[in-house]
Protein backbone atom coordinates (compact mmCIF):
# COMPACT_ATOMS: atom_id res chain seq x y z
CA UNK A 1 0.09 -0.02 -0.25
CA UNK A 2 1.05 3.35 -0.57
CA UNK A 3 1.60 6.11 1.93
CA UNK A 4 -1.31 8.04 0.36
CA UNK A 5 -3.52 5.00 0.71
CA UNK A 6 -2.48 4.76 4.55
CA UNK A 7 -3.32 8.27 5.21
CA UNK A 8 -7.17 8.16 5.53
CA UNK A 9 -6.89 4.72 7.34
CA UNK A 10 -4.30 6.17 9.65
CA UNK A 11 -6.27 9.55 10.31
CA UNK A 12 -9.90 7.12 11.09
CA UNK A 13 -7.65 4.88 13.31
CA UNK A 14 -6.35 8.08 15.03
CA UNK A 15 -9.47 9.80 15.38
CA UNK A 16 -11.20 6.88 17.17
CA UNK A 17 -8.01 6.38 19.12
CA UNK A 18 -8.32 9.77 20.59
CA UNK A 19 -12.27 9.67 20.88
CA UNK A 20 -11.76 6.48 23.14
CA UNK A 21 -9.15 8.49 25.39
CA UNK A 22 -11.33 11.64 25.62
CA UNK A 23 -14.25 9.02 26.75
CA UNK A 24 -11.98 7.35 29.25
CA UNK A 25 -10.48 10.66 30.50
CA UNK A 26 -14.14 11.94 31.16
CA UNK A 27 -14.98 8.85 33.36
CA UNK A 28 -14.26 9.08 36.99
CA UNK A 29 -14.14 5.30 37.37
CA UNK A 30 -17.16 5.48 39.16
CA UNK A 31 -20.37 3.17 38.37
CA UNK A 32 -23.16 5.26 36.83
CA UNK A 33 -26.04 5.03 38.94
CA UNK A 34 -29.37 4.07 37.32
CA UNK A 35 -32.66 4.45 38.25
CA UNK A 36 -34.64 1.35 38.73
CA UNK A 37 -37.91 2.97 38.08
CA UNK A 38 -37.34 5.65 35.48
CA UNK A 39 -40.93 6.32 34.75
CA UNK A 40 -42.49 6.11 38.24
CA UNK A 41 -44.52 3.04 37.64
CA UNK A 42 -46.44 0.90 40.21
CA UNK A 43 -45.15 -2.79 40.32
CA UNK A 44 -46.21 -5.33 38.09
CA UNK A 45 -49.69 -6.91 38.98
CA UNK A 46 -50.57 -3.35 40.75
CA UNK A 47 -54.45 -2.89 40.61
CA UNK A 48 -55.21 0.57 41.23
CA UNK A 49 -58.17 1.47 43.62
CA UNK A 50 -60.15 4.66 42.85
CA UNK A 51 -61.76 4.79 46.33
CA UNK A 52 -57.88 5.21 47.58
CA UNK A 53 -57.05 7.11 44.85
CA UNK A 54 -59.89 9.92 45.86
CA UNK A 55 -58.36 10.04 49.49
CA UNK A 56 -54.74 10.26 48.15
CA UNK A 57 -55.83 13.04 45.97
CA UNK A 58 -57.12 14.89 48.52
CA UNK A 59 -54.13 14.68 50.58
CA UNK A 60 -51.49 15.10 47.68
CA UNK A 61 -53.04 16.93 44.99
CA UNK A 62 -56.20 18.76 45.71
CA UNK A 63 -54.67 22.05 47.06
CA UNK A 64 -53.31 23.13 43.62
CA UNK A 65 -55.70 21.10 41.34
CA UNK A 66 -59.18 21.46 43.74
CA UNK A 67 -60.77 19.10 45.53
CA UNK A 68 -62.54 17.15 42.87
CA UNK A 69 -59.74 18.17 40.33
CA UNK A 70 -61.60 20.79 38.73
CA UNK A 71 -58.59 23.24 39.52
CA UNK A 72 -57.98 26.40 41.82
CA UNK A 73 -55.92 29.43 41.83
CA UNK A 74 -52.79 27.29 42.16
CA UNK A 75 -53.25 24.85 39.52
CA UNK A 76 -55.01 23.86 36.27
CA UNK A 77 -58.49 21.24 36.65
CA UNK A 78 -57.61 17.66 35.76
CA UNK A 79 -61.25 17.09 34.93
CA UNK A 80 -60.88 18.68 31.32
CA UNK A 81 -60.41 17.82 28.07
CA UNK A 82 -56.74 18.75 27.92
CA UNK A 83 -55.88 15.74 30.14
CA UNK A 84 -57.98 13.12 28.44
CA UNK A 85 -56.20 9.85 27.95
CA UNK A 86 -55.28 10.19 24.33
CA UNK A 87 -53.66 13.52 24.77
CA UNK A 88 -52.34 13.01 28.54
CA UNK A 89 -51.72 9.23 28.97
CA UNK A 90 -51.35 7.67 32.60
CA UNK A 91 -47.42 7.63 32.05
CA UNK A 92 -48.02 11.61 31.92
CA UNK A 93 -48.89 11.66 35.36
CA UNK A 94 -46.62 9.48 36.72
CA UNK A 95 -43.57 11.20 34.90
CA UNK A 96 -44.89 14.79 36.59
CA UNK A 97 -45.16 13.52 39.87
CA UNK A 98 -41.57 12.28 39.37
CA UNK A 99 -40.00 15.12 37.40
CA UNK A 100 -42.44 17.82 37.85
CA UNK A 101 -43.79 19.60 34.75
CA UNK A 102 -42.66 22.80 32.85
CA UNK A 103 -45.78 25.27 32.50
CA UNK A 104 -47.13 24.53 29.09
CA UNK A 105 -51.03 24.34 28.85
CA UNK A 106 -52.11 26.82 31.46
CA UNK A 107 -50.93 30.21 33.21
CA UNK A 108 -50.09 28.54 36.31
CA UNK A 109 -46.37 28.12 37.01
CA UNK A 110 -44.41 24.97 37.00
CA UNK A 111 -45.33 21.86 38.67
CA UNK A 112 -42.71 20.92 41.00
CA UNK A 113 -41.74 17.07 41.63
CA UNK A 114 -43.84 15.28 44.41
CA UNK A 115 -41.27 13.07 45.84
CA UNK A 116 -43.61 11.94 48.86
CA UNK A 117 -46.09 10.43 46.25
CA UNK A 118 -45.06 6.74 45.76
CA UNK A 119 -45.36 5.12 42.24
CA UNK A 120 -48.43 3.08 43.59
CA UNK A 121 -50.29 6.20 45.15
CA UNK A 122 -49.99 7.90 41.79
CA UNK A 123 -51.45 4.64 40.29
CA UNK A 124 -54.71 5.22 42.66
CA UNK A 125 -54.55 8.73 42.30
CA UNK A 126 -54.51 8.35 38.03
CA UNK A 127 -57.89 5.95 38.65
CA UNK A 128 -59.63 8.47 40.70
CA UNK A 129 -58.82 11.28 38.21
CA UNK A 130 -59.87 9.10 35.14
CA UNK A 131 -63.28 8.05 36.96
CA UNK A 132 -64.10 12.06 37.18
CA UNK A 133 -63.15 12.52 33.66
CA UNK A 134 -65.54 9.47 32.64
CA UNK A 135 -68.29 10.76 34.83
CA UNK A 136 -67.63 14.71 33.15
CA UNK A 137 -68.10 12.63 29.73
CA UNK A 138 -64.00 12.76 28.91
CA UNK A 139 -63.03 9.85 27.05
């Protein structure tokens, strides 16, 4: 092989070698901590209870979203077409509780994460909210 043919191969190999060295230099040797439940989902086999959800909603959510999820001066109504299951799936509620939500549909501010609400509790709360939505004709 001539030296002209070796240069592209050498450059590519050098590029990958430098990229690998940079990557290894950026690593501090500590293992990356992974979230065991990144979506804040209840465990397999979980069965939601809308009655438990009503109690948990009043305890954790009603101060902002209203006693019956009809909104307040602090937060939006969840019994609203905006939160129908085809636009905001149940997973959206789980992620909102875990990560918080940036203001996007309403004039209210951002919703902060709710670390005191477990994935199982969110599952019960969602069952309650979906019941209220269905009663209001939101499907």
